[in-house]
Protein backbone atom coordinates (compact mmCIF):
# COMPACT_ATOMS: atom_id res chain seq x y z
CA MET A 1 -62.32 -10.96 78.06
CA ARG A 2 -65.52 -13.97 79.15
CA LEU A 3 -64.48 -16.84 76.98
CA LEU A 4 -66.54 -20.09 76.27
CA LEU A 5 -64.37 -22.42 75.27
CA LEU A 6 -65.08 -26.18 73.72
CA GLY A 7 -63.02 -29.05 72.87
CA CYS A 8 -59.75 -27.16 74.54
CA SER A 9 -59.71 -29.99 77.20
CA GLY A 10 -57.17 -32.35 75.61
CA PHE A 11 -53.91 -31.95 73.65
CA VAL A 12 -53.92 -28.34 72.78
CA GLY A 13 -55.92 -27.04 75.50
CA ARG A 14 -53.34 -28.38 78.13
CA GLU A 15 -51.65 -25.65 76.76
CA LEU A 16 -54.11 -22.69 75.45
CA VAL A 17 -56.10 -22.76 78.94
CA PRO A 18 -53.45 -21.81 80.95
CA PHE A 19 -52.07 -19.45 78.09
CA LEU A 20 -55.57 -17.86 78.02
CA LEU A 21 -55.34 -17.33 81.57
CA GLU A 22 -52.14 -16.03 82.00
CA LEU A 23 -53.14 -13.60 79.27
CA GLY A 24 -56.12 -12.42 82.00
CA HIS A 25 -59.44 -13.92 79.99
CA THR A 26 -62.02 -15.58 82.28
CA ILE A 27 -62.85 -18.78 80.81
CA THR A 28 -65.39 -21.05 80.89
CA LEU A 29 -64.70 -24.78 79.50
CA VAL A 30 -67.33 -26.97 78.09
CA SER A 31 -65.99 -30.71 78.22
CA ARG A 32 -66.61 -34.53 78.70
CA SER A 33 -64.43 -34.62 81.98
CA THR A 34 -65.43 -32.91 85.37
CA GLN A 35 -62.17 -31.07 85.86
CA PRO A 36 -59.96 -31.85 82.89
CA PHE A 37 -57.02 -29.23 84.55
CA PRO A 38 -57.33 -29.27 88.72
CA ALA A 39 -54.51 -27.50 89.04
CA LEU A 40 -55.99 -24.27 87.74
CA ALA A 41 -59.33 -24.34 89.83
CA GLY A 42 -60.08 -21.05 90.60
CA ASP A 43 -62.44 -17.37 89.88
CA ARG A 44 -61.33 -17.25 86.59
CA LEU A 45 -61.76 -20.96 85.37
CA LEU A 46 -65.58 -22.71 85.49
CA CYS A 47 -65.73 -26.37 84.17
CA LEU A 48 -69.17 -27.11 82.66
CA LYS A 49 -69.45 -31.19 82.30
CA LEU A 50 -71.64 -31.25 79.02
CA ASP A 51 -71.08 -32.87 75.71
CA PRO A 52 -71.54 -29.46 73.33
CA ALA A 53 -72.47 -32.47 70.13
CA ASP A 54 -75.32 -33.22 72.45
CA PRO A 55 -78.51 -30.90 71.46
CA ALA A 56 -79.74 -31.48 75.10
CA SER A 57 -76.66 -29.60 76.83
CA TRP A 58 -77.31 -26.24 75.08
CA GLN A 59 -80.71 -26.28 77.17
CA HIS A 60 -78.75 -26.28 80.74
CA ASP A 61 -79.05 -23.07 82.15
CA SER A 62 -75.40 -22.96 83.00
CA LEU A 63 -74.28 -23.28 79.27
CA ARG A 64 -77.20 -20.86 77.59
CA GLN A 65 -75.76 -18.15 80.69
CA ALA A 66 -72.13 -19.01 79.79
CA LEU A 67 -72.76 -18.20 75.96
CA ALA A 68 -74.87 -14.81 76.90
CA GLY A 69 -71.80 -13.68 78.67
CA ALA A 70 -69.10 -14.59 76.73
CA GLN A 71 -67.42 -12.41 74.62
CA GLY A 72 -65.42 -15.02 72.85
CA VAL A 73 -65.53 -18.56 71.92
CA VAL A 74 -63.10 -20.73 70.52
CA ASN A 75 -64.52 -24.32 69.17
CA LEU A 76 -61.97 -27.06 68.90
CA ALA A 77 -64.30 -29.98 69.26
CA GLY A 78 -63.76 -32.57 67.44
CA GLU A 79 -63.11 -36.57 68.21
CA PRO A 80 -59.55 -37.30 67.32
CA ILE A 81 -58.65 -38.22 63.81
CA ALA A 82 -56.03 -40.95 63.05
CA GLU A 83 -56.38 -42.94 66.29
CA ARG A 84 -58.78 -45.96 64.77
CA ARG A 85 -60.00 -47.73 61.61
CA TRP A 86 -62.49 -45.54 59.98
CA THR A 87 -65.67 -47.49 60.53
CA PRO A 88 -69.09 -45.94 59.33
CA GLU A 89 -69.51 -45.38 63.57
CA HIS A 90 -66.47 -43.79 63.77
CA LEU A 91 -66.99 -41.73 60.33
CA GLU A 92 -70.07 -40.57 62.40
CA ARG A 93 -68.75 -39.84 65.49
CA LEU A 94 -65.64 -37.73 63.61
CA ALA A 95 -68.61 -35.74 61.38
CA SER A 96 -71.22 -35.45 64.50
CA SER A 97 -68.13 -34.23 66.97
CA ARG A 98 -67.66 -31.44 64.90
CA VAL A 99 -70.15 -30.39 62.34
CA ARG A 100 -73.25 -31.09 64.82
CA THR A 101 -71.36 -29.13 67.71
CA THR A 102 -70.67 -26.52 65.51
CA GLU A 103 -74.38 -26.11 64.34
CA LEU A 104 -75.78 -25.87 67.69
CA LEU A 105 -73.24 -23.28 68.96
CA VAL A 106 -74.01 -21.18 66.28
CA GLN A 107 -78.11 -21.85 66.36
CA ALA A 108 -77.45 -21.00 70.32
CA MET A 109 -75.62 -18.02 69.27
CA ALA A 110 -78.30 -16.88 66.80
CA GLN A 111 -80.97 -16.91 69.40
CA LEU A 112 -78.96 -14.43 71.69
CA PRO A 113 -80.18 -10.78 71.58
CA HIS A 114 -76.13 -9.85 71.90
CA PRO A 115 -73.93 -12.67 70.66
CA PRO A 116 -70.01 -12.93 71.27
CA ALA A 117 -68.52 -10.57 69.17
CA VAL A 118 -66.23 -13.20 67.77
CA LEU A 119 -66.16 -17.21 67.32
CA VAL A 120 -62.75 -19.10 66.46
CA ASN A 121 -63.64 -22.08 65.34
CA GLY A 122 -61.11 -25.02 64.10
CA SER A 123 -60.96 -26.95 61.05
CA ALA A 124 -57.93 -28.97 59.77
CA VAL A 125 -55.51 -28.57 56.59
CA GLY A 126 -57.09 -31.97 55.72
CA TYR A 127 -59.65 -29.29 53.49
CA TYR A 128 -57.31 -29.56 50.67
CA GLY A 129 -57.10 -33.72 50.80
CA THR A 130 -53.95 -34.46 49.65
CA SER A 131 -51.05 -34.01 47.18
CA ALA A 132 -47.51 -35.12 46.73
CA ASP A 133 -46.60 -32.05 44.70
CA ASP A 134 -49.22 -29.23 45.21
CA ARG A 135 -48.98 -26.08 47.38
CA PHE A 136 -52.01 -25.06 49.03
CA GLY A 137 -52.88 -21.31 50.07
CA GLU A 138 -56.07 -20.52 51.92
CA ALA A 139 -57.87 -19.90 48.21
CA ALA A 140 -57.29 -23.43 47.27
CA ALA A 141 -60.07 -25.71 46.65
CA PRO A 142 -61.13 -28.13 48.89
CA GLY A 143 -59.82 -32.23 48.38
CA ASP A 144 -63.34 -34.35 47.40
CA ASP A 145 -61.55 -37.16 49.98
CA VAL A 146 -63.54 -38.16 53.32
CA LEU A 147 -61.44 -35.18 55.36
CA GLY A 148 -61.54 -32.90 52.64
CA GLN A 149 -65.57 -33.16 52.65
CA LEU A 150 -65.69 -33.31 56.41
CA CYS A 151 -63.96 -29.80 56.92
CA ARG A 152 -66.03 -28.11 54.29
CA GLN A 153 -68.94 -29.53 56.32
CA TRP A 154 -67.62 -27.95 59.26
CA GLU A 155 -66.74 -24.92 58.01
CA ALA A 156 -69.84 -24.21 56.44
CA ALA A 157 -71.47 -24.79 59.88
CA ALA A 158 -69.24 -21.72 61.26
CA GLN A 159 -70.02 -20.04 58.32
CA ALA A 160 -73.69 -19.55 59.10
CA LEU A 161 -72.26 -17.74 62.39
CA PRO A 162 -75.06 -14.53 62.54
CA SER A 163 -74.11 -11.07 61.84
CA PRO A 164 -72.13 -9.19 63.90
CA SER A 165 -70.13 -11.51 65.39
CA ARG A 166 -66.74 -12.28 63.60
CA LEU A 167 -65.89 -15.81 62.21
CA VAL A 168 -62.27 -17.08 61.68
CA ILE A 169 -61.55 -20.27 60.92
CA LEU A 170 -58.19 -21.86 61.57
CA ARG A 171 -57.29 -25.16 58.91
CA ILE A 172 -54.74 -26.56 61.60
CA GLY A 173 -52.02 -28.62 60.51
CA ILE A 174 -49.75 -30.93 62.71
CA VAL A 175 -49.30 -29.73 66.44
CA LEU A 176 -46.14 -30.19 67.79
CA GLY A 177 -45.76 -30.91 71.80
CA PRO A 178 -44.73 -33.85 73.84
CA ASP A 179 -47.26 -35.15 75.45
CA GLY A 180 -49.98 -35.84 72.71
CA GLY A 181 -50.16 -35.28 68.60
CA ALA A 182 -47.75 -37.25 66.20
CA LEU A 183 -44.93 -36.16 67.76
CA GLY A 184 -46.04 -37.38 71.41
CA LYS A 185 -46.59 -40.82 69.61
CA MET A 186 -43.30 -40.73 67.66
CA LEU A 187 -41.21 -39.97 70.83
CA PRO A 188 -40.58 -43.06 72.79
CA VAL A 189 -40.03 -45.21 69.48
CA PHE A 190 -37.12 -42.28 68.41
CA ARG A 191 -36.05 -42.35 72.28
CA ALA A 192 -35.55 -45.74 72.26
CA GLY A 193 -33.67 -45.59 68.92
CA PHE A 194 -36.07 -47.52 66.30
CA GLY A 195 -37.03 -44.33 64.59
CA GLY A 196 -37.64 -43.24 61.33
CA PRO A 197 -39.65 -42.13 58.45
CA VAL A 198 -43.41 -43.16 57.90
CA GLY A 199 -44.68 -44.89 54.87
CA SER A 200 -42.55 -43.01 51.68
CA GLY A 201 -41.02 -40.74 53.45
CA ARG A 202 -41.89 -38.09 51.00
CA GLN A 203 -45.39 -36.84 52.23
CA TRP A 204 -45.66 -33.75 53.36
CA MET A 205 -46.08 -32.56 56.48
CA SER A 206 -47.87 -29.21 57.24
CA TRP A 207 -46.70 -28.70 61.13
CA ILE A 208 -47.34 -26.01 63.79
CA HIS A 209 -45.81 -25.77 67.48
CA ARG A 210 -48.67 -25.74 70.00
CA GLN A 211 -47.34 -22.60 71.16
CA ASP A 212 -47.97 -20.92 68.50
CA LEU A 213 -51.24 -22.46 67.54
CA CYS A 214 -52.22 -21.02 71.28
CA ARG A 215 -50.66 -17.58 69.96
CA MET A 216 -52.72 -17.84 66.84
CA ILE A 217 -56.11 -18.53 68.99
CA ALA A 218 -55.42 -15.58 71.31
CA ALA A 219 -54.59 -13.16 68.59
CA ALA A 220 -57.82 -14.05 66.75
CA LEU A 221 -59.93 -13.54 69.82
CA GLU A 222 -58.31 -10.10 70.40
CA ASP A 223 -57.19 -8.62 67.57
CA THR A 224 -60.55 -7.24 65.34
CA THR A 225 -58.21 -7.78 61.85
CA TYR A 226 -58.49 -11.34 61.81
CA ASN A 227 -61.01 -12.34 59.71
CA GLY A 228 -62.02 -15.39 57.49
CA VAL A 229 -59.67 -18.53 57.03
CA TYR A 230 -56.35 -18.88 57.65
CA ASN A 231 -53.67 -21.70 57.43
CA ALA A 232 -52.67 -22.63 60.78
CA VAL A 233 -49.09 -23.75 59.95
CA ALA A 234 -45.71 -23.03 60.21
CA PRO A 235 -44.26 -21.00 56.94
CA GLU A 236 -42.32 -23.93 56.08
CA PRO A 237 -43.54 -27.30 55.69
CA VAL A 238 -41.29 -30.40 55.49
CA ARG A 239 -41.40 -34.29 54.13
CA MET A 240 -41.99 -36.78 56.35
CA ALA A 241 -38.40 -38.05 55.88
CA ASP A 242 -36.57 -34.64 56.81
CA PHE A 243 -39.38 -34.42 59.95
CA ALA A 244 -37.79 -37.55 60.78
CA ALA A 245 -33.96 -37.03 60.63
CA ALA A 246 -34.44 -33.53 61.92
CA LEU A 247 -35.92 -35.41 64.86
CA GLY A 248 -33.37 -37.80 65.03
CA ARG A 249 -30.91 -34.90 65.36
CA THR A 250 -32.83 -33.33 68.12
CA LEU A 251 -32.73 -36.55 70.37
CA GLY A 252 -28.90 -37.51 69.32
CA ARG A 253 -31.30 -40.62 67.99
CA PRO A 254 -31.09 -42.80 64.95
CA SER A 255 -33.68 -42.10 62.11
CA LEU A 256 -33.13 -44.81 59.73
CA LEU A 257 -35.84 -47.48 60.63
CA PRO A 258 -38.70 -46.55 58.52
CA ALA A 259 -42.57 -48.18 59.55
CA PRO A 260 -44.06 -49.69 56.83
CA GLY A 261 -47.31 -48.38 55.48
CA ALA A 262 -48.80 -51.54 55.16
CA ILE A 263 -48.52 -52.09 58.78
CA LEU A 264 -50.20 -48.65 59.68
CA ARG A 265 -53.21 -49.01 57.20
CA LEU A 266 -53.37 -52.70 59.25
CA LEU A 267 -53.87 -50.91 62.20
CA LEU A 268 -55.63 -47.75 61.03
CA GLY A 269 -57.29 -48.64 58.29
CA ASP A 270 -58.19 -45.58 55.72
CA GLY A 271 -57.43 -43.58 58.94
CA ALA A 272 -53.58 -43.81 57.91
CA GLN A 273 -54.13 -41.81 55.00
CA VAL A 274 -53.81 -39.06 57.50
CA VAL A 275 -50.16 -40.08 58.14
CA LEU A 276 -49.37 -41.98 54.68
CA GLU A 277 -50.67 -38.64 52.69
CA GLY A 278 -50.16 -35.37 53.40
CA GLN A 279 -50.64 -31.77 51.83
CA GLN A 280 -47.93 -28.85 51.45
CA VAL A 281 -49.91 -25.55 52.95
CA LEU A 282 -48.58 -22.62 53.34
CA PRO A 283 -49.98 -19.73 56.21
CA GLU A 284 -50.01 -16.95 53.21
CA ARG A 285 -52.74 -15.19 55.19
CA LEU A 286 -51.05 -15.45 58.54
CA ALA A 287 -47.97 -13.70 56.82
CA ALA A 288 -50.05 -10.59 55.43
CA GLN A 289 -51.58 -10.25 58.99
CA GLY A 290 -47.90 -10.20 60.34
CA PHE A 291 -48.07 -12.59 62.52
CA ARG A 292 -44.79 -13.36 64.36
CA TYR A 293 -44.31 -16.91 64.94
CA GLN A 294 -41.97 -18.23 67.99
CA TYR A 295 -40.63 -21.69 66.68
CA PRO A 296 -40.83 -20.71 62.51
CA ASP A 297 -37.96 -23.59 62.30
CA LEU A 298 -38.78 -27.18 62.29
CA SER A 299 -35.47 -27.62 64.34
CA ALA A 300 -36.41 -24.86 66.82
CA ALA A 301 -39.59 -25.90 67.52
CA LEU A 302 -38.45 -30.07 67.77
CA ALA A 303 -36.14 -28.58 70.27
CA ALA A 304 -38.91 -26.43 72.36
CA ALA A 305 -40.93 -29.40 72.34
CA THR A 306 -39.01 -32.00 73.35
CA SER A 307 -36.57 -29.73 75.92
CA PRO A 308 -37.70 -30.44 80.02
CA GLY A 309 -39.21 -26.80 81.19
CA LEU A 310 -40.00 -26.12 77.41
CA ARG A 311 -43.32 -25.79 76.21
């Protein structure tokens, strides 16, 4: 397929882009970086240095032509959620990088006589709010907290997609990979022997190995039976204390030193909510779809994510 990718030049994109190229797809990557993957440069990977949240970018001939020629679109655009304080300015960036980008993309697709056949759009498990006990399938109601409202707006922007394009929304959990995300931040601490659960340890972590997420995205692009919302998580969510214990066992390091939530709140303010509170999210529709995980088990996922030579 000829694909247009937005928001795929970072942590997820480092695996997604080469994976899609291996499958034979041709990619136009829209990024604020000139060439995020110089080692992959070739006839089937074109990079456009544009900001997809900027309306002016969608007036560039190169982007308009790439969208018109695309058979599928992947939109994972969005500023990192939990890496800084949620000031009013940062909350605005969180919203504009997701909601505004998706609005502009859908509007541009609506203007085409033959829009791409499929849009795979990101969302997050934060859609459901947080809970210590509830279990959330795709039919569960959205939360009324900041992330719940943000995800609801993000998905609403995607749902304005014109017919006959097919829409797949992935509510993505905590993505496991050694070079970014939550695991990437935890690894140096655990390897130094100072690891342990963050906060109470009882909060739920709904996770997914990065390779399985990439395989979900590829399946959603290629398989026309994928439609609507899917929880992009592994089938076994765990509590933070169990996650820390499993990571310690994987690395052969202790995992008994808790990181107090008060310190994280001091550093991140409201943004600490993403780590200190969680939700137990179940991939009910992926199970019904028959998706086969490569890493359904946390121990195997951590072993793969932390072993040299493995993704």
